[in-house]
Protein backbone atom coordinates (compact mmCIF):
# COMPACT_ATOMS: atom_id res chain seq x y z
CA MET A 1 26.46 30.10 -77.61
CA ILE A 2 23.83 28.65 -79.51
CA TRP A 3 25.41 30.01 -82.71
CA VAL A 4 29.18 28.55 -81.73
CA THR A 5 27.51 25.05 -81.05
CA TRP A 6 25.69 24.77 -84.19
CA ARG A 7 29.15 25.72 -86.07
CA GLN A 8 30.67 22.83 -84.34
CA GLN A 9 27.65 20.31 -84.86
CA ARG A 10 26.22 21.52 -88.12
CA VAL A 11 28.22 18.72 -90.34
CA GLN A 12 26.74 15.93 -88.43
CA ILE A 13 23.03 17.70 -88.15
CA LEU A 14 23.04 18.17 -91.51
CA ALA A 15 24.31 14.99 -92.36
CA THR A 16 21.80 13.50 -90.38
CA ALA A 17 18.95 15.57 -91.70
CA LEU A 18 19.64 14.61 -95.26
CA LEU A 19 20.08 10.67 -94.29
CA VAL A 20 16.51 11.15 -92.97
CA VAL A 21 15.14 13.17 -96.05
CA VAL A 22 16.36 10.48 -98.30
CA ALA A 23 14.90 7.51 -96.08
CA VAL A 24 11.53 9.34 -96.18
CA VAL A 25 11.44 9.69 -99.49
CA ALA A 26 12.43 5.94 -100.22
CA LEU A 27 9.63 4.94 -97.50
CA VAL A 28 6.90 7.02 -99.14
CA PHE A 29 7.74 5.29 -102.50
CA VAL A 30 7.88 1.46 -100.88
CA HIS A 31 4.18 2.53 -99.25
CA ALA A 32 2.68 3.40 -102.35
CA ASP A 33 3.83 0.81 -104.32
CA VAL A 34 2.83 -1.90 -101.66
CA VAL A 35 -0.53 -0.34 -101.40
CA SER A 36 -0.55 -0.75 -105.29
CA LEU A 37 0.37 -4.52 -105.03
CA LEU A 38 -2.42 -5.59 -102.29
CA PRO A 39 -3.80 -7.34 -101.87
CA ASP A 40 -1.74 -9.84 -103.61
CA ARG A 41 0.67 -10.65 -100.16
CA ALA A 42 2.72 -12.88 -102.25
CA ALA A 43 3.74 -10.18 -104.70
CA VAL A 44 4.77 -7.81 -101.84
CA SER A 45 6.78 -10.36 -100.13
CA GLU A 46 8.19 -11.33 -103.56
CA LYS A 47 9.48 -7.70 -103.99
CA TYR A 48 10.11 -6.28 -100.58
CA GLY A 49 11.14 -9.15 -98.26
CA ASP A 50 14.59 -8.62 -98.96
CA PHE A 51 14.35 -4.75 -98.60
CA LEU A 52 12.59 -5.00 -95.32
CA GLN A 53 15.20 -7.19 -94.11
CA TYR A 54 17.91 -5.12 -95.07
CA TYR A 55 15.99 -2.13 -93.68
CA VAL A 56 15.24 -3.88 -90.02
CA PHE A 57 19.41 -4.36 -89.96
CA VAL A 58 20.21 -0.87 -91.11
CA MET A 59 17.60 0.56 -88.63
CA LEU A 60 18.96 -1.57 -85.94
CA VAL A 61 22.42 -0.03 -86.17
CA LEU A 62 21.76 3.62 -87.23
CA PRO A 63 20.28 4.93 -83.73
CA VAL A 64 23.58 3.80 -81.55
CA LEU A 65 26.02 5.03 -84.74
CA LEU A 66 24.52 8.26 -84.75
CA GLY A 67 23.88 8.78 -81.11
CA MET A 68 27.85 7.55 -80.85
CA PHE A 69 29.30 9.59 -83.50
CA SER A 70 27.71 12.61 -82.13
CA GLY A 71 27.31 12.27 -78.68
CA ALA A 72 30.85 10.75 -77.53
CA PRO A 73 32.99 13.74 -78.92
CA LEU A 74 30.42 16.10 -77.84
CA PHE A 75 32.35 16.85 -74.65
CA ALA A 76 35.20 14.32 -74.70
CA ARG A 77 36.68 15.95 -77.65
CA GLU A 78 36.86 19.22 -76.51
CA ILE A 79 38.56 18.42 -73.17
CA GLU A 80 41.18 16.08 -75.34
CA GLN A 81 41.62 19.43 -77.31
CA GLY A 82 41.67 21.78 -74.36
CA THR A 83 38.98 24.13 -76.08
CA HIS A 84 36.59 23.30 -73.04
CA VAL A 85 38.43 25.83 -71.06
CA PHE A 86 37.81 28.73 -73.60
CA GLY A 87 34.26 27.98 -73.47
CA LEU A 88 34.02 27.96 -69.91
CA SER A 89 35.99 31.02 -69.23
CA GLN A 90 33.30 33.26 -71.29
CA SER A 91 30.73 34.81 -69.46
CA ILE A 92 28.39 32.00 -69.74
CA GLY A 93 28.22 29.49 -67.33
CA ARG A 94 28.99 25.88 -67.15
CA ALA A 95 25.55 24.71 -66.75
CA ARG A 96 24.35 26.63 -69.94
CA TRP A 97 27.44 25.57 -71.94
CA VAL A 98 26.58 21.92 -71.00
CA VAL A 99 22.65 22.43 -71.88
CA THR A 100 23.20 24.40 -75.04
CA LYS A 101 25.51 21.63 -76.62
CA LEU A 102 23.04 18.88 -75.50
CA ALA A 103 20.21 20.55 -76.77
CA VAL A 104 21.25 21.37 -80.29
CA ALA A 105 23.31 18.49 -81.00
CA GLY A 106 20.54 16.09 -79.58
CA GLY A 107 17.64 18.04 -80.39
CA ALA A 108 18.32 17.82 -83.78
CA LEU A 109 19.43 14.07 -83.76
CA THR A 110 16.34 13.23 -81.52
CA LEU A 111 13.84 15.21 -84.06
CA SER A 112 15.44 13.62 -87.22
CA MET A 113 14.79 9.95 -85.77
CA PHE A 114 11.34 10.84 -84.62
CA THR A 115 10.61 11.91 -88.02
CA LEU A 116 12.15 8.84 -89.37
CA GLY A 117 10.37 6.58 -87.12
CA LEU A 118 7.07 7.98 -87.46
CA VAL A 119 7.02 7.91 -91.55
CA ALA A 120 8.56 4.41 -91.21
CA ALA A 121 5.79 3.07 -88.89
CA TRP A 122 3.07 4.61 -91.51
CA ALA A 123 5.11 3.51 -94.40
CA LEU A 124 5.52 -0.03 -93.38
CA ALA A 125 2.08 -0.83 -91.86
CA PRO A 126 0.60 -2.29 -95.01
CA ALA A 127 3.82 -4.54 -95.03
CA GLY A 128 3.99 -5.59 -91.55
CA PHE A 129 2.67 -9.35 -92.57
CA VAL A 130 6.29 -9.73 -94.67
CA LEU A 131 8.05 -9.63 -91.26
CA SER A 132 5.51 -11.50 -89.02
CA GLY A 133 4.06 -8.16 -87.41
CA ARG A 134 5.46 -4.82 -86.24
CA LEU A 135 5.37 -6.05 -82.41
CA ASN A 136 7.84 -9.11 -82.96
CA GLU A 137 11.73 -8.31 -81.67
CA THR A 138 13.81 -6.05 -84.01
CA ASN A 139 10.77 -5.32 -85.94
CA PHE A 140 9.23 -3.20 -83.26
CA GLU A 141 12.55 -1.14 -82.44
CA THR A 142 12.98 -0.07 -86.20
CA GLN A 143 9.65 1.99 -86.68
CA GLY A 144 7.63 4.51 -84.63
CA LEU A 145 8.53 6.44 -81.88
CA VAL A 146 10.92 4.50 -80.04
CA VAL A 147 13.20 5.17 -83.17
CA GLY A 148 13.83 8.53 -81.82
CA GLY A 149 13.94 7.48 -78.14
CA TYR A 150 16.61 4.85 -78.77
CA ALA A 151 18.74 7.74 -80.40
CA LEU A 152 18.62 9.86 -77.93
CA VAL A 153 19.32 7.29 -75.14
CA ALA A 154 22.53 6.39 -77.20
CA PHE A 155 23.48 10.18 -77.55
CA VAL A 156 23.07 10.85 -73.85
CA ILE A 157 25.20 7.85 -73.03
CA GLY A 158 27.84 8.95 -75.42
CA ALA A 159 27.88 12.60 -73.94
CA VAL A 160 27.99 11.61 -70.29
CA ALA A 161 30.76 8.81 -71.03
CA GLY A 162 32.78 11.46 -72.56
CA LEU A 163 32.08 13.67 -69.35
CA PHE A 164 33.38 10.94 -67.02
CA LEU A 165 36.27 9.25 -69.26
CA ARG A 166 37.46 12.27 -70.89
CA ASN A 167 38.39 10.22 -74.09
CA THR A 168 36.67 10.07 -77.16
CA LEU A 169 37.01 6.76 -78.55
CA ALA A 170 36.64 5.32 -74.77
CA ALA A 171 33.08 6.73 -74.45
CA MET A 172 32.08 5.45 -78.23
CA VAL A 173 33.10 1.62 -76.89
CA VAL A 174 30.93 2.61 -73.92
CA THR A 175 28.23 3.58 -75.51
CA LEU A 176 28.01 0.72 -77.90
CA VAL A 177 28.30 -1.97 -75.54
CA VAL A 178 25.72 -0.25 -73.09
CA TYR A 179 23.43 0.47 -75.98
CA VAL A 180 23.50 -3.34 -77.14
CA ALA A 181 23.20 -4.52 -73.60
CA LEU A 182 19.92 -1.94 -73.03
CA VAL A 183 18.07 -3.14 -76.48
CA PHE A 184 18.26 -6.80 -75.76
CA THR A 185 17.48 -6.40 -72.04
CA VAL A 186 14.60 -4.20 -72.73
CA ALA A 187 13.45 -6.33 -75.88
CA ASN A 188 13.37 -9.59 -73.91
CA GLU A 189 12.92 -8.79 -70.42
CA VAL A 190 10.75 -5.60 -69.94
CA ARG A 191 8.74 -5.44 -72.97
CA PRO A 192 6.80 -8.70 -72.66
CA HIS A 193 5.44 -7.14 -69.56
CA TYR A 194 4.15 -3.83 -70.81
CA ALA A 195 0.66 -5.58 -71.08
CA GLU A 196 -1.03 -9.02 -70.16
CA PRO A 197 -0.90 -11.31 -73.24
CA VAL A 198 -3.90 -12.84 -74.49
CA LEU A 199 -4.06 -16.61 -74.09
CA PHE A 200 -4.89 -19.01 -77.36
CA THR A 201 -5.72 -22.72 -76.80
CA GLY A 202 -6.38 -25.39 -78.99
CA PRO A 203 -6.28 -29.08 -79.00
CA VAL A 204 -3.35 -31.25 -79.61
CA GLY A 205 -2.36 -31.69 -82.89
CA GLY A 206 -4.75 -28.90 -83.97
CA HIS A 207 -4.23 -25.47 -85.04
CA VAL A 208 -3.97 -22.70 -82.30
CA ALA A 209 -6.12 -19.72 -83.86
CA ILE A 210 -4.12 -16.91 -83.66
CA ASP A 211 -3.30 -13.76 -85.81
CA PRO A 212 0.08 -14.31 -87.59
CA GLU A 213 1.33 -10.68 -86.79
CA SER A 214 0.93 -11.17 -83.03
CA TRP A 215 3.98 -11.79 -80.78
CA VAL A 216 4.06 -14.82 -79.27
CA THR A 217 5.88 -14.89 -76.18
CA GLU A 218 5.31 -18.11 -74.91
CA TYR A 219 3.84 -21.52 -76.08
CA GLY A 220 3.12 -24.91 -74.31
CA TYR A 221 0.71 -27.34 -73.34
CA GLN A 222 -1.45 -28.04 -70.78
CA ASP A 223 -3.58 -31.04 -69.07
CA ALA A 224 -7.60 -31.29 -69.04
CA ASN A 225 -7.25 -28.84 -65.68
CA GLY A 226 -5.14 -26.40 -67.07
CA LYS A 227 -1.82 -27.08 -65.59
CA GLU A 228 1.14 -26.62 -67.95
CA LEU A 229 2.79 -29.89 -68.62
CA PRO A 230 6.82 -29.99 -69.66
CA TYR A 231 7.10 -31.71 -73.10
CA SER A 232 9.54 -32.10 -75.70
CA TYR A 233 9.30 -32.94 -79.38
CA LEU A 234 11.85 -35.79 -78.52
CA ASP A 235 9.61 -37.13 -75.74
CA CYS A 236 7.46 -38.93 -78.38
CA ALA A 237 9.30 -38.94 -81.60
CA ARG A 238 11.50 -41.65 -79.91
CA GLN A 239 8.36 -43.95 -79.60
CA PRO A 240 6.61 -45.69 -82.26
CA GLY A 241 3.35 -44.98 -82.99
CA ASP A 242 1.21 -41.66 -83.44
CA GLN A 243 2.84 -38.38 -81.90
CA VAL A 244 -0.68 -37.05 -81.05
CA ALA A 245 -1.94 -40.67 -79.26
CA CYS A 246 1.64 -40.31 -77.58
CA MET A 247 0.78 -36.66 -76.30
CA ARG A 248 -2.41 -37.34 -74.90
CA ALA A 249 -1.04 -40.57 -73.12
CA LYS A 250 0.97 -38.04 -71.32
CA GLY A 251 -1.87 -36.15 -70.10
CA ILE A 252 -1.52 -33.14 -72.94
CA ALA A 253 -4.74 -31.80 -73.53
CA THR A 254 -4.45 -28.50 -75.05
CA ALA A 255 -1.53 -26.36 -76.79
CA TYR A 256 -1.29 -22.45 -75.90
CA SER A 257 0.14 -19.66 -77.02
CA ALA A 258 0.32 -16.47 -74.96
CA ALA A 259 0.70 -13.33 -77.46
CA HIS A 260 0.46 -9.55 -77.97
CA LEU A 261 -1.99 -8.47 -80.17
CA PRO A 262 -1.05 -6.14 -83.45
CA SER A 263 -3.50 -3.52 -82.07
CA GLN A 264 -1.38 -3.02 -78.95
CA PHE A 265 1.58 -1.55 -81.36
CA TRP A 266 1.19 2.32 -80.36
CA ARG A 267 0.08 1.29 -76.95
CA PHE A 268 3.71 -0.44 -76.76
CA GLN A 269 5.47 2.11 -78.32
CA PHE A 270 4.10 5.12 -75.94
CA THR A 271 4.99 2.72 -73.21
CA GLU A 272 8.78 2.13 -74.34
CA LEU A 273 9.09 5.90 -75.27
CA ALA A 274 8.24 6.66 -71.48
CA LEU A 275 10.64 4.48 -70.43
CA LEU A 276 13.36 5.68 -72.76
CA LEU A 277 12.81 9.07 -71.64
CA VAL A 278 13.14 8.31 -68.03
CA LEU A 279 16.46 6.61 -68.89
CA ALA A 280 17.76 9.47 -70.70
CA GLY A 281 16.96 11.71 -67.83
CA GLY A 282 18.64 9.76 -65.28
CA VAL A 283 21.89 9.34 -67.61
CA LEU A 284 21.60 13.39 -67.82
CA ALA A 285 21.47 13.68 -64.15
CA ALA A 286 24.49 11.69 -63.85
CA GLY A 287 26.29 13.96 -66.62
CA GLY A 288 25.14 17.08 -64.62
CA GLN A 289 27.23 15.65 -61.62
CA ALA A 290 30.16 14.75 -64.03
CA ALA A 291 29.87 18.12 -65.04
CA ARG A 292 30.55 19.78 -61.84
CA ARG A 293 33.56 17.79 -61.21
CA ARG A 294 35.14 16.62 -64.23
CA LEU A 295 35.07 19.96 -66.15
CA THR A 296 37.70 21.83 -64.94
């Protein structure tokens, strides 16, 4: 059964592995070059600013594309073509057939993407300042442990959607929609709560001292007692005179920013990986129920 699954999935597995090898070689070169340019941050930003923006974009879409094109057809295509009947009529059981296909295809994809994510986290660490820190949205998902986690989630969503819908194209569409919703929800609603943010304050009109690679999740203004006060730039921009004096006249004493520090990167990575593994496990449990009802 393993050999048959390998024969069916070898093109996707080898193509993914080759893609990862090429990306790893490029990242190793970038790391060495960035280190040679430092501490001249301006030179690093000028040379690799565009590259890192393209890298972030590619790595945002790569896990879902690989997971979608390897996971959605895994069962749906066989059901569409009727070849699953032959597989299930052999001496192996239904559970073994499903688990083997998931393990071979999903395991190879996840391992490749874990490797790419870890190499990226090491290679791009010296250049993290170019994109304002590794914790910020879109940057966090493109390196580290979560790259493999998101690829796994996309894969199992596609595979299970194929079992339920019994149609490859429909499973791909569902995978894309669910994955995009998941990434946005985790980044904006869940990730900020992995740890308590550090509060930085400063006088009105002054500078709030904060590491530029920190992830600022909230900012605002407070009165002398520490109570948050609503304020919009237009509140004082429309009035003549000094803006700072106007803000003080409204009772604003300090400005604040709540931020997660760059040192929390790996803590957040492990936390999010655990969350993604739980989600993948839940989707697979649903897939087990679907396999019992839909594989006939």
